[in-house]
PDB file of N, CA and C in Angstrom:
ATOM      1  N   UNK A   1       9.753  20.134  18.654  1.00  0.00           N
ATOM      2  CA  UNK A   1      10.495  19.671  18.986  1.00  0.00           C
ATOM      3  C   UNK A   1      11.935  19.938  17.626  1.00  0.00           C
ATOM      4  N   UNK A   2      11.138  19.173  16.399  1.00  0.00           N
ATOM      5  CA  UNK A   2      11.737  18.051  15.447  1.00  0.00           C
ATOM      6  C   UNK A   2      11.197  18.931  14.158  1.00  0.00           C
ATOM      7  N   UNK A   3      11.440  18.301  13.393  1.00  0.00           N
ATOM      8  CA  UNK A   3      11.373  18.296  11.639  1.00  0.00           C
ATOM      9  C   UNK A   3      10.337  18.421  11.180  1.00  0.00           C
ATOM     10  N   UNK A   4       9.178  18.767  10.810  1.00  0.00           N
ATOM     11  CA  UNK A   4       8.128  18.244  10.497  1.00  0.00           C
ATOM     12  C   UNK A   4       7.706  17.174   9.776  1.00  0.00           C
ATOM     13  N   UNK A   5       8.753  18.110   8.793  1.00  0.00           N
ATOM     14  CA  UNK A   5       9.143  17.347   7.161  1.00  0.00           C
ATOM     15  C   UNK A   5       9.749  15.812   7.861  1.00  0.00           C
ATOM     16  N   UNK A   6       9.920  15.278   8.276  1.00  0.00           N
ATOM     17  CA  UNK A   6      10.191  13.875   8.871  1.00  0.00           C
ATOM     18  C   UNK A   6      10.011  13.618   9.967  1.00  0.00           C
ATOM     19  N   UNK A   7       8.248  14.145  10.422  1.00  0.00           N
ATOM     20  CA  UNK A   7       7.499  13.121  12.132  1.00  0.00           C
ATOM     21  C   UNK A   7       6.775  12.272  11.269  1.00  0.00           C
ATOM     22  N   UNK A   8       7.513  11.121  12.805  1.00  0.00           N
ATOM     23  CA  UNK A   8       6.783   9.547  12.314  1.00  0.00           C
ATOM     24  C   UNK A   8       7.595   8.723  11.523  1.00  0.00           C
ATOM     25  N   UNK A   9       8.690   9.601  10.612  1.00  0.00           N
ATOM     26  CA  UNK A   9       9.716   8.290   9.968  1.00  0.00           C
ATOM     27  C   UNK A   9      10.134   7.754  10.062  1.00  0.00           C
ATOM     28  N   UNK A  10      11.208   8.337  11.348  1.00  0.00           N
ATOM     29  CA  UNK A  10      12.381   7.816  11.903  1.00  0.00           C
ATOM     30  C   UNK A  10      13.601   7.297  10.727  1.00  0.00           C
ATOM     31  N   UNK A  11      14.261   6.455  11.450  1.00  0.00           N
ATOM     32  CA  UNK A  11      15.550   6.845  10.506  1.00  0.00           C
ATOM     33  C   UNK A  11      15.272   4.778   9.860  1.00  0.00           C
ATOM     34  N   UNK A  12      15.485   5.540   7.728  1.00  0.00           N
ATOM     35  CA  UNK A  12      14.681   4.967   7.063  1.00  0.00           C
ATOM     36  C   UNK A  12      15.766   4.403   6.282  1.00  0.00           C
ATOM     37  N   UNK A  13      15.568   2.567   6.502  1.00  0.00           N
ATOM     38  CA  UNK A  13      16.781   1.719   5.676  1.00  0.00           C
ATOM     39  C   UNK A  13      16.831   1.688   4.207  1.00  0.00           C
ATOM     40  N   UNK A  14      18.411   2.436   3.638  1.00  0.00           N
ATOM     41  CA  UNK A  14      18.894   2.764   2.229  1.00  0.00           C
ATOM     42  C   UNK A  14      19.304   1.579   2.085  1.00  0.00           C
ATOM     43  N   UNK A  15      19.034   0.808   0.304  1.00  0.00           N
ATOM     44  CA  UNK A  15      19.590   0.289   0.052  1.00  0.00           C
ATOM     45  C   UNK A  15      21.288  -0.443  -0.322  1.00  0.00           C
ATOM     46  N   UNK A  16      21.983  -0.786   0.349  1.00  0.00           N
ATOM     47  CA  UNK A  16      23.082  -1.621   0.766  1.00  0.00           C
ATOM     48  C   UNK A  16      23.458  -1.579  -0.773  1.00  0.00           C
ATOM     49  N   UNK A  17      24.791  -2.668  -0.758  1.00  0.00           N
ATOM     50  CA  UNK A  17      25.489  -2.619  -2.654  1.00  0.00           C
ATOM     51  C   UNK A  17      24.664  -3.941  -2.240  1.00  0.00           C
ATOM     52  N   UNK A  18      23.813  -4.372  -3.907  1.00  0.00           N
ATOM     53  CA  UNK A  18      23.592  -5.288  -4.055  1.00  0.00           C
ATOM     54  C   UNK A  18      22.069  -5.404  -3.827  1.00  0.00           C
ATOM     55  N   UNK A  19      21.276  -4.793  -3.218  1.00  0.00           N
ATOM     56  CA  UNK A  19      20.212  -5.054  -2.249  1.00  0.00           C
ATOM     57  C   UNK A  19      19.262  -3.435  -3.918  1.00  0.00           C
ATOM     58  N   UNK A  20      17.909  -4.457  -3.540  1.00  0.00           N
ATOM     59  CA  UNK A  20      17.295  -2.981  -4.603  1.00  0.00           C
ATOM     60  C   UNK A  20      15.223  -2.838  -4.036  1.00  0.00           C
ATOM     61  N   UNK A  21      16.043  -1.458  -4.443  1.00  0.00           N
ATOM     62  CA  UNK A  21      13.989  -1.125  -3.926  1.00  0.00           C
ATOM     63  C   UNK A  21      13.466  -1.684  -5.069  1.00  0.00           C
ATOM     64  N   UNK A  22      11.691  -1.641  -5.021  1.00  0.00           N
ATOM     65  CA  UNK A  22      10.355  -2.731  -5.618  1.00  0.00           C
ATOM     66  C   UNK A  22       9.026  -2.007  -5.744  1.00  0.00           C
ATOM     67  N   UNK A  23       8.902  -1.943  -5.719  1.00  0.00           N
ATOM     68  CA  UNK A  23       7.017  -1.843  -6.124  1.00  0.00           C
ATOM     69  C   UNK A  23       6.958  -3.351  -6.138  1.00  0.00           C
ATOM     70  N   UNK A  24       5.969  -3.512  -5.370  1.00  0.00           N
ATOM     71  CA  UNK A  24       4.857  -5.082  -5.922  1.00  0.00           C
ATOM     72  C   UNK A  24       3.823  -4.677  -6.116  1.00  0.00           C
ATOM     73  N   UNK A  25       3.699  -5.586  -8.002  1.00  0.00           N
ATOM     74  CA  UNK A  25       2.985  -5.445  -8.854  1.00  0.00           C
ATOM     75  C   UNK A  25       2.007  -6.258  -7.443  1.00  0.00           C
ATOM     76  N   UNK A  26       1.642  -7.479  -7.761  1.00  0.00           N
ATOM     77  CA  UNK A  26       0.287  -7.941  -7.758  1.00  0.00           C
ATOM     78  C   UNK A  26       1.314  -9.419  -6.702  1.00  0.00           C
ATOM     79  N   UNK A  27       0.250 -10.296  -6.132  1.00  0.00           N
ATOM     80  CA  UNK A  27       0.417 -11.231  -5.089  1.00  0.00           C
ATOM     81  C   UNK A  27       0.174 -12.530  -5.918  1.00  0.00           C
ATOM     82  N   UNK A  28       0.474 -12.892  -6.353  1.00  0.00           N
ATOM     83  CA  UNK A  28       1.159 -14.113  -6.887  1.00  0.00           C
ATOM     84  C   UNK A  28       0.793 -15.584  -5.865  1.00  0.00           C
ATOM     85  N   UNK A  29       0.474 -16.034  -4.785  1.00  0.00           N
ATOM     86  CA  UNK A  29      -0.205 -17.064  -4.279  1.00  0.00           C
ATOM     87  C   UNK A  29       1.202 -17.985  -4.296  1.00  0.00           C
ATOM     88  N   UNK A  30       0.469 -18.519  -3.553  1.00  0.00           N
ATOM     89  CA  UNK A  30       2.216 -19.453  -2.338  1.00  0.00           C
ATOM     90  C   UNK A  30       3.544 -18.564  -1.920  1.00  0.00           C
ATOM     91  N   UNK A  31       2.701 -16.975  -0.874  1.00  0.00           N
ATOM     92  CA  UNK A  31       4.206 -17.267  -0.244  1.00  0.00           C
ATOM     93  C   UNK A  31       5.206 -15.427  -1.916  1.00  0.00           C
ATOM     94  N   UNK A  32       4.688 -16.006  -2.855  1.00  0.00           N
ATOM     95  CA  UNK A  32       5.181 -15.133  -4.051  1.00  0.00           C
ATOM     96  C   UNK A  32       4.375 -14.041  -4.625  1.00  0.00           C
ATOM     97  N   UNK A  33       5.431 -12.928  -5.127  1.00  0.00           N
ATOM     98  CA  UNK A  33       5.457 -11.529  -5.165  1.00  0.00           C
ATOM     99  C   UNK A  33       5.734 -11.169  -6.641  1.00  0.00           C
ATOM    100  N   UNK A  34       4.641 -10.687  -7.611  1.00  0.00           N
ATOM    101  CA  UNK A  34       5.610  -9.635  -8.505  1.00  0.00           C
ATOM    102  C   UNK A  34       6.598  -8.840  -7.862  1.00  0.00           C
ATOM    103  N   UNK A  35       7.251  -8.369  -8.394  1.00  0.00           N
ATOM    104  CA  UNK A  35       7.628  -7.128  -8.347  1.00  0.00           C
ATOM    105  C   UNK A  35       8.269  -6.216  -9.590  1.00  0.00           C
ATOM    106  N   UNK A  36       8.025  -5.021  -9.581  1.00  0.00           N
ATOM    107  CA  UNK A  36       9.249  -4.381 -10.623  1.00  0.00           C
ATOM    108  C   UNK A  36      10.599  -3.712 -10.045  1.00  0.00           C
ATOM    109  N   UNK A  37      11.367  -3.339 -10.263  1.00  0.00           N
ATOM    110  CA  UNK A  37      12.613  -2.644  -8.412  1.00  0.00           C
ATOM    111  C   UNK A  37      13.129  -1.885 -10.069  1.00  0.00           C
ATOM    112  N   UNK A  38      14.154  -0.821  -9.035  1.00  0.00           N
ATOM    113  CA  UNK A  38      15.209   0.198  -9.816  1.00  0.00           C
ATOM    114  C   UNK A  38      15.632   0.115 -10.315  1.00  0.00           C
ATOM    115  N   UNK A  39      16.847  -1.488 -10.475  1.00  0.00           N
ATOM    116  CA  UNK A  39      17.349  -2.005 -11.702  1.00  0.00           C
ATOM    117  C   UNK A  39      16.688  -2.254 -13.512  1.00  0.00           C
ATOM    118  N   UNK A  40      15.524  -1.444 -13.133  1.00  0.00           N
ATOM    119  CA  UNK A  40      14.594  -1.816 -14.272  1.00  0.00           C
ATOM    120  C   UNK A  40      13.836  -2.809 -14.789  1.00  0.00           C
ATOM    121  N   UNK A  41      13.834  -4.258 -14.245  1.00  0.00           N
ATOM    122  CA  UNK A  41      13.708  -5.423 -13.759  1.00  0.00           C
ATOM    123  C   UNK A  41      13.118  -6.145 -13.305  1.00  0.00           C
ATOM    124  N   UNK A  42      11.450  -6.717 -14.160  1.00  0.00           N
ATOM    125  CA  UNK A  42      10.708  -7.411 -14.207  1.00  0.00           C
ATOM    126  C   UNK A  42      11.202  -8.949 -11.503  1.00  0.00           C
ATOM    127  N   UNK A  43      11.507  -9.317 -10.999  1.00  0.00           N
ATOM    128  CA  UNK A  43      11.366 -10.110 -10.515  1.00  0.00           C
ATOM    129  C   UNK A  43      10.235 -11.019  -9.534  1.00  0.00           C
ATOM    130  N   UNK A  44      10.267 -12.070  -9.680  1.00  0.00           N
ATOM    131  CA  UNK A  44       9.654 -12.907  -8.785  1.00  0.00           C
ATOM    132  C   UNK A  44       9.845 -12.654  -7.455  1.00  0.00           C
ATOM    133  N   UNK A  45       9.119 -12.383  -6.078  1.00  0.00           N
ATOM    134  CA  UNK A  45      10.037 -12.085  -5.065  1.00  0.00           C
ATOM    135  C   UNK A  45       9.019 -13.215  -4.139  1.00  0.00           C
ATOM    136  N   UNK A  46       9.895 -13.605  -2.711  1.00  0.00           N
ATOM    137  CA  UNK A  46       9.184 -14.055  -1.904  1.00  0.00           C
ATOM    138  C   UNK A  46      10.261 -13.593   0.063  1.00  0.00           C
ATOM    139  N   UNK A  47       9.240 -14.086   0.023  1.00  0.00           N
ATOM    140  CA  UNK A  47       9.868 -13.467   2.088  1.00  0.00           C
ATOM    141  C   UNK A  47       9.769 -14.650   2.421  1.00  0.00           C
ATOM    142  N   UNK A  48      11.284 -14.457   3.097  1.00  0.00           N
ATOM    143  CA  UNK A  48      12.518 -15.651   3.369  1.00  0.00           C
ATOM    144  C   UNK A  48      11.411 -15.895   4.812  1.00  0.00           C
ATOM    145  N   UNK A  49      11.560 -17.220   4.839  1.00  0.00           N
ATOM    146  CA  UNK A  49      11.069 -18.479   6.073  1.00  0.00           C
ATOM    147  C   UNK A  49      11.209 -17.124   7.264  1.00  0.00           C
ATOM    148  N   UNK A  50      12.516 -16.600   8.524  1.00  0.00           N
ATOM    149  CA  UNK A  50      12.055 -15.272   8.605  1.00  0.00           C
ATOM    150  C   UNK A  50      11.587 -14.488   9.494  1.00  0.00           C
ATOM    151  N   UNK A  51      11.232 -14.449   8.534  1.00  0.00           N
ATOM    152  CA  UNK A  51      10.224 -12.532   8.221  1.00  0.00           C
ATOM    153  C   UNK A  51       9.074 -13.259   7.983  1.00  0.00           C
ATOM    154  N   UNK A  52       8.640 -14.007   7.582  1.00  0.00           N
ATOM    155  CA  UNK A  52       7.375 -14.526   7.063  1.00  0.00           C
ATOM    156  C   UNK A  52       5.470 -14.386   8.100  1.00  0.00           C
ATOM    157  N   UNK A  53       6.347 -14.103   9.136  1.00  0.00           N
ATOM    158  CA  UNK A  53       4.791 -13.806  10.370  1.00  0.00           C
ATOM    159  C   UNK A  53       5.654 -12.568  10.230  1.00  0.00           C
ATOM    160  N   UNK A  54       5.971 -11.592  10.932  1.00  0.00           N
ATOM    161  CA  UNK A  54       6.396  -9.928  10.306  1.00  0.00           C
ATOM    162  C   UNK A  54       6.084  -9.299   9.378  1.00  0.00           C
ATOM    163  N   UNK A  55       6.191  -9.695   8.679  1.00  0.00           N
ATOM    164  CA  UNK A  55       5.992  -9.104   7.447  1.00  0.00           C
ATOM    165  C   UNK A  55       5.194  -9.061   6.414  1.00  0.00           C
ATOM    166  N   UNK A  56       4.287  -8.230   6.438  1.00  0.00           N
ATOM    167  CA  UNK A  56       2.873  -8.064   5.920  1.00  0.00           C
ATOM    168  C   UNK A  56       3.393  -6.930   4.351  1.00  0.00           C
ATOM    169  N   UNK A  57       2.807  -7.594   3.262  1.00  0.00           N
ATOM    170  CA  UNK A  57       3.303  -7.274   1.745  1.00  0.00           C
ATOM    171  C   UNK A  57       2.229  -7.392   1.034  1.00  0.00           C
ATOM    172  N   UNK A  58       1.551  -5.505   0.303  1.00  0.00           N
ATOM    173  CA  UNK A  58      -0.109  -5.613  -0.025  1.00  0.00           C
ATOM    174  C   UNK A  58       0.044  -5.981  -1.746  1.00  0.00           C
ATOM    175  N   UNK A  59      -0.085  -5.437  -2.794  1.00  0.00           N
ATOM    176  CA  UNK A  59      -0.132  -4.530  -4.351  1.00  0.00           C
ATOM    177  C   UNK A  59       0.370  -3.577  -3.510  1.00  0.00           C
ATOM    178  N   UNK A  60       1.230  -2.779  -4.458  1.00  0.00           N
ATOM    179  CA  UNK A  60       1.322  -0.955  -4.558  1.00  0.00           C
ATOM    180  C   UNK A  60       2.517  -1.361  -3.014  1.00  0.00           C
ATOM    181  N   UNK A  61       3.226  -1.614  -2.190  1.00  0.00           N
ATOM    182  CA  UNK A  61       3.606  -1.182  -1.525  1.00  0.00           C
ATOM    183  C   UNK A  61       5.330  -0.879  -1.631  1.00  0.00           C
ATOM    184  N   UNK A  62       5.678  -0.435  -1.263  1.00  0.00           N
ATOM    185  CA  UNK A  62       7.370  -0.286  -1.973  1.00  0.00           C
ATOM    186  C   UNK A  62       8.126  -0.918   0.172  1.00  0.00           C
ATOM    187  N   UNK A  63       8.792  -1.628  -1.141  1.00  0.00           N
ATOM    188  CA  UNK A  63       9.981  -3.206  -0.697  1.00  0.00           C
ATOM    189  C   UNK A  63      11.510  -2.855  -0.438  1.00  0.00           C
ATOM    190  N   UNK A  64      12.958  -3.787   0.230  1.00  0.00           N
ATOM    191  CA  UNK A  64      13.684  -3.630  -0.307  1.00  0.00           C
ATOM    192  C   UNK A  64      13.434  -5.750  -0.154  1.00  0.00           C
ATOM    193  N   UNK A  65      15.135  -5.827  -1.693  1.00  0.00           N
ATOM    194  CA  UNK A  65      14.963  -6.543  -2.317  1.00  0.00           C
ATOM    195  C   UNK A  65      16.308  -7.046  -2.491  1.00  0.00           C
ATOM    196  N   UNK A  66      16.689  -8.476  -2.163  1.00  0.00           N
ATOM    197  CA  UNK A  66      17.988  -8.160  -2.917  1.00  0.00           C
ATOM    198  C   UNK A  66      18.252  -9.292  -3.302  1.00  0.00           C
ATOM    199  N   UNK A  67      18.901  -9.768  -4.826  1.00  0.00           N
ATOM    200  CA  UNK A  67      18.421 -10.247  -5.465  1.00  0.00           C
ATOM    201  C   UNK A  67      18.980 -12.342  -5.275  1.00  0.00           C
ATOM    202  N   UNK A  68      18.821 -13.140  -6.083  1.00  0.00           N
ATOM    203  CA  UNK A  68      19.120 -14.229  -5.526  1.00  0.00           C
ATOM    204  C   UNK A  68      20.522 -14.416  -6.047  1.00  0.00           C
ATOM    205  N   UNK A  69      21.436 -14.919  -5.425  1.00  0.00           N
ATOM    206  CA  UNK A  69      23.886 -15.370  -6.339  1.00  0.00           C
ATOM    207  C   UNK A  69      22.618 -16.151  -7.209  1.00  0.00           C
ATOM    208  N   UNK A  70      22.144 -17.241  -7.890  1.00  0.00           N
ATOM    209  CA  UNK A  70      20.988 -18.343  -9.033  1.00  0.00           C
ATOM    210  C   UNK A  70      20.244 -17.356  -9.094  1.00  0.00           C
ATOM    211  N   UNK A  71      20.167 -17.135 -10.103  1.00  0.00           N
ATOM    212  CA  UNK A  71      18.708 -16.468 -11.095  1.00  0.00           C
ATOM    213  C   UNK A  71      18.101 -14.725 -10.702  1.00  0.00           C
ATOM    214  N   UNK A  72      19.692 -14.521 -10.387  1.00  0.00           N
ATOM    215  CA  UNK A  72      19.014 -12.919  -9.352  1.00  0.00           C
ATOM    216  C   UNK A  72      19.009 -12.185 -10.844  1.00  0.00           C
ATOM    217  N   UNK A  73      18.519 -12.183 -11.863  1.00  0.00           N
ATOM    218  CA  UNK A  73      17.891 -11.473 -12.710  1.00  0.00           C
ATOM    219  C   UNK A  73      16.716 -11.701 -12.301  1.00  0.00           C
ATOM    220  N   UNK A  74      15.699 -12.945 -12.273  1.00  0.00           N
ATOM    221  CA  UNK A  74      14.240 -13.434 -11.877  1.00  0.00           C
ATOM    222  C   UNK A  74      13.622 -13.165 -11.021  1.00  0.00           C
ATOM    223  N   UNK A  75      14.890 -13.410 -10.178  1.00  0.00           N
ATOM    224  CA  UNK A  75      14.208 -14.237  -8.539  1.00  0.00           C
ATOM    225  C   UNK A  75      14.416 -12.875  -7.119  1.00  0.00           C
ATOM    226  N   UNK A  76      14.606 -13.029  -6.426  1.00  0.00           N
ATOM    227  CA  UNK A  76      15.263 -12.352  -5.117  1.00  0.00           C
ATOM    228  C   UNK A  76      13.327 -12.964  -3.626  1.00  0.00           C
ATOM    229  N   UNK A  77      14.607 -12.034  -2.873  1.00  0.00           N
ATOM    230  CA  UNK A  77      14.266 -12.274  -1.825  1.00  0.00           C
ATOM    231  C   UNK A  77      13.578 -10.938  -0.988  1.00  0.00           C
ATOM    232  N   UNK A  78      12.803 -10.568  -0.584  1.00  0.00           N
ATOM    233  CA  UNK A  78      11.707  -9.636   0.073  1.00  0.00           C
ATOM    234  C   UNK A  78      12.565  -9.546   1.468  1.00  0.00           C
ATOM    235  N   UNK A  79      13.521  -8.595   1.521  1.00  0.00           N
ATOM    236  CA  UNK A  79      13.764  -8.419   3.182  1.00  0.00           C
ATOM    237  C   UNK A  79      13.317  -7.481   3.943  1.00  0.00           C
ATOM    238  N   UNK A  80      12.946  -6.513   3.247  1.00  0.00           N
ATOM    239  CA  UNK A  80      12.621  -5.448   4.811  1.00  0.00           C
ATOM    240  C   UNK A  80      11.148  -4.208   3.997  1.00  0.00           C
ATOM    241  N   UNK A  81      10.560  -3.772   5.191  1.00  0.00           N
ATOM    242  CA  UNK A  81       8.851  -3.316   4.107  1.00  0.00           C
ATOM    243  C   UNK A  81       8.383  -2.223   4.224  1.00  0.00           C
ATOM    244  N   UNK A  82       8.705  -1.049   3.709  1.00  0.00           N
ATOM    245  CA  UNK A  82       8.279  -0.272   3.964  1.00  0.00           C
ATOM    246  C   UNK A  82       7.057   0.812   4.366  1.00  0.00           C
ATOM    247  N   UNK A  83       6.243   1.984   5.435  1.00  0.00           N
ATOM    248  CA  UNK A  83       5.579   2.016   5.898  1.00  0.00           C
ATOM    249  C   UNK A  83       5.656   3.061   5.144  1.00  0.00           C
ATOM    250  N   UNK A  84       4.022   3.839   5.026  1.00  0.00           N
ATOM    251  CA  UNK A  84       3.505   5.346   4.145  1.00  0.00           C
ATOM    252  C   UNK A  84       4.388   5.762   3.945  1.00  0.00           C
ATOM    253  N   UNK A  85       5.467   6.490   5.232  1.00  0.00           N
ATOM    254  CA  UNK A  85       5.851   8.126   5.449  1.00  0.00           C
ATOM    255  C   UNK A  85       6.979   7.488   5.039  1.00  0.00           C
ATOM    256  N   UNK A  86       7.802   6.429   5.656  1.00  0.00           N
ATOM    257  CA  UNK A  86       9.027   5.803   4.721  1.00  0.00           C
ATOM    258  C   UNK A  86       9.166   6.063   3.331  1.00  0.00           C
ATOM    259  N   UNK A  87       7.552   5.298   2.541  1.00  0.00           N
ATOM    260  CA  UNK A  87       7.896   5.053   1.037  1.00  0.00           C
ATOM    261  C   UNK A  87       7.816   6.745   0.787  1.00  0.00           C
ATOM    262  N   UNK A  88       6.872   7.686   1.095  1.00  0.00           N
ATOM    263  CA  UNK A  88       6.944   9.288   0.994  1.00  0.00           C
ATOM    264  C   UNK A  88       8.080  10.072   1.067  1.00  0.00           C
ATOM    265  N   UNK A  89       8.492   9.989   1.818  1.00  0.00           N
ATOM    266  CA  UNK A  89      10.274  10.098   2.746  1.00  0.00           C
ATOM    267  C   UNK A  89      11.911   9.436   0.838  1.00  0.00           C
ATOM    268  N   UNK A  90      10.859   8.241   0.416  1.00  0.00           N
ATOM    269  CA  UNK A  90      12.050   7.484  -0.350  1.00  0.00           C
ATOM    270  C   UNK A  90      11.578   8.758  -1.600  1.00  0.00           C
ATOM    271  N   UNK A  91      10.356   9.130  -1.645  1.00  0.00           N
ATOM    272  CA  UNK A  91      10.365   9.683  -3.075  1.00  0.00           C
ATOM    273  C   UNK A  91      10.775  10.993  -2.851  1.00  0.00           C
ATOM    274  N   UNK A  92      10.351  11.398  -2.355  1.00  0.00           N
ATOM    275  CA  UNK A  92      11.461  12.494  -2.121  1.00  0.00           C
ATOM    276  C   UNK A  92      12.975  13.242  -2.436  1.00  0.00           C
ATOM    277  N   UNK A  93      13.186  11.800  -1.177  1.00  0.00           N
ATOM    278  CA  UNK A  93      14.931  11.652  -1.468  1.00  0.00           C
ATOM    279  C   UNK A  93      15.448  12.087  -2.998  1.00  0.00           C
ATOM    280  N   UNK A  94      14.728  10.574  -3.475  1.00  0.00           N
ATOM    281  CA  UNK A  94      14.611  10.474  -5.121  1.00  0.00           C
ATOM    282  C   UNK A  94      14.998   8.649  -5.166  1.00  0.00           C
ATOM    283  N   UNK A  95      14.768   7.988  -4.369  1.00  0.00           N
ATOM    284  CA  UNK A  95      15.554   6.702  -4.780  1.00  0.00           C
ATOM    285  C   UNK A  95      14.417   5.627  -5.544  1.00  0.00           C
ATOM    286  N   UNK A  96      13.094   6.471  -5.780  1.00  0.00           N
ATOM    287  CA  UNK A  96      12.146   6.385  -6.122  1.00  0.00           C
ATOM    288  C   UNK A  96      11.888   6.510  -7.135  1.00  0.00           C
ATOM    289  N   UNK A  97      12.595   7.243  -8.863  1.00  0.00           N
ATOM    290  CA  UNK A  97      12.645   7.872  -9.530  1.00  0.00           C
ATOM    291  C   UNK A  97      11.853   6.557 -10.271  1.00  0.00           C
ATOM    292  N   UNK A  98      12.799   5.512 -11.081  1.00  0.00           N
ATOM    293  CA  UNK A  98      12.508   4.740 -11.618  1.00  0.00           C
ATOM    294  C   UNK A  98      11.627   3.514 -11.645  1.00  0.00           C
ATOM    295  N   UNK A  99      11.027   4.342 -10.723  1.00  0.00           N
ATOM    296  CA  UNK A  99       9.321   3.494 -10.529  1.00  0.00           C
ATOM    297  C   UNK A  99       8.301   3.761  -9.883  1.00  0.00           C
ATOM    298  N   UNK A 100       8.697   5.449 -10.551  1.00  0.00           N
ATOM    299  CA  UNK A 100       6.814   5.778  -9.989  1.00  0.00           C
ATOM    300  C   UNK A 100       5.630   5.734 -11.230  1.00  0.00           C
ATOM    301  N   UNK A 101       6.670   5.184 -12.247  1.00  0.00           N
ATOM    302  CA  UNK A 101       4.831   4.795 -13.120  1.00  0.00           C
ATOM    303  C   UNK A 101       4.716   3.610 -12.446  1.00  0.00           C
ATOM    304  N   UNK A 102       4.603   3.202 -11.233  1.00  0.00           N
ATOM    305  CA  UNK A 102       4.156   1.749 -10.516  1.00  0.00           C
ATOM    306  C   UNK A 102       4.101   2.792  -9.698  1.00  0.00           C
ATOM    307  N   UNK A 103       3.619   3.562  -8.498  1.00  0.00           N
ATOM    308  CA  UNK A 103       3.206   4.444  -7.477  1.00  0.00           C
ATOM    309  C   UNK A 103       1.839   4.200  -7.986  1.00  0.00           C
TER     310      UNK A 103
END
């Protein structure tokens, strides 16, 4: 009784103002990750303490980031992690066009 294309996806969070999608390139240790963002910048991202226990991130995952107010071109917070089904939905809708080389 539903749309088979969106099976298991549910509601997908999309970027608001000041937020970007990013692909995790690699883990750097100490809870930091090297990211490539949809605004075509590489940043160092970290998971804030309030989300650290509930969010597990590995290489090639798609995440939602919020750049810092200071050093925003270099550093950011990871605020959301997407499942594989949500990642496929984002690709189909064109949200990940800038980072397809890294997927």
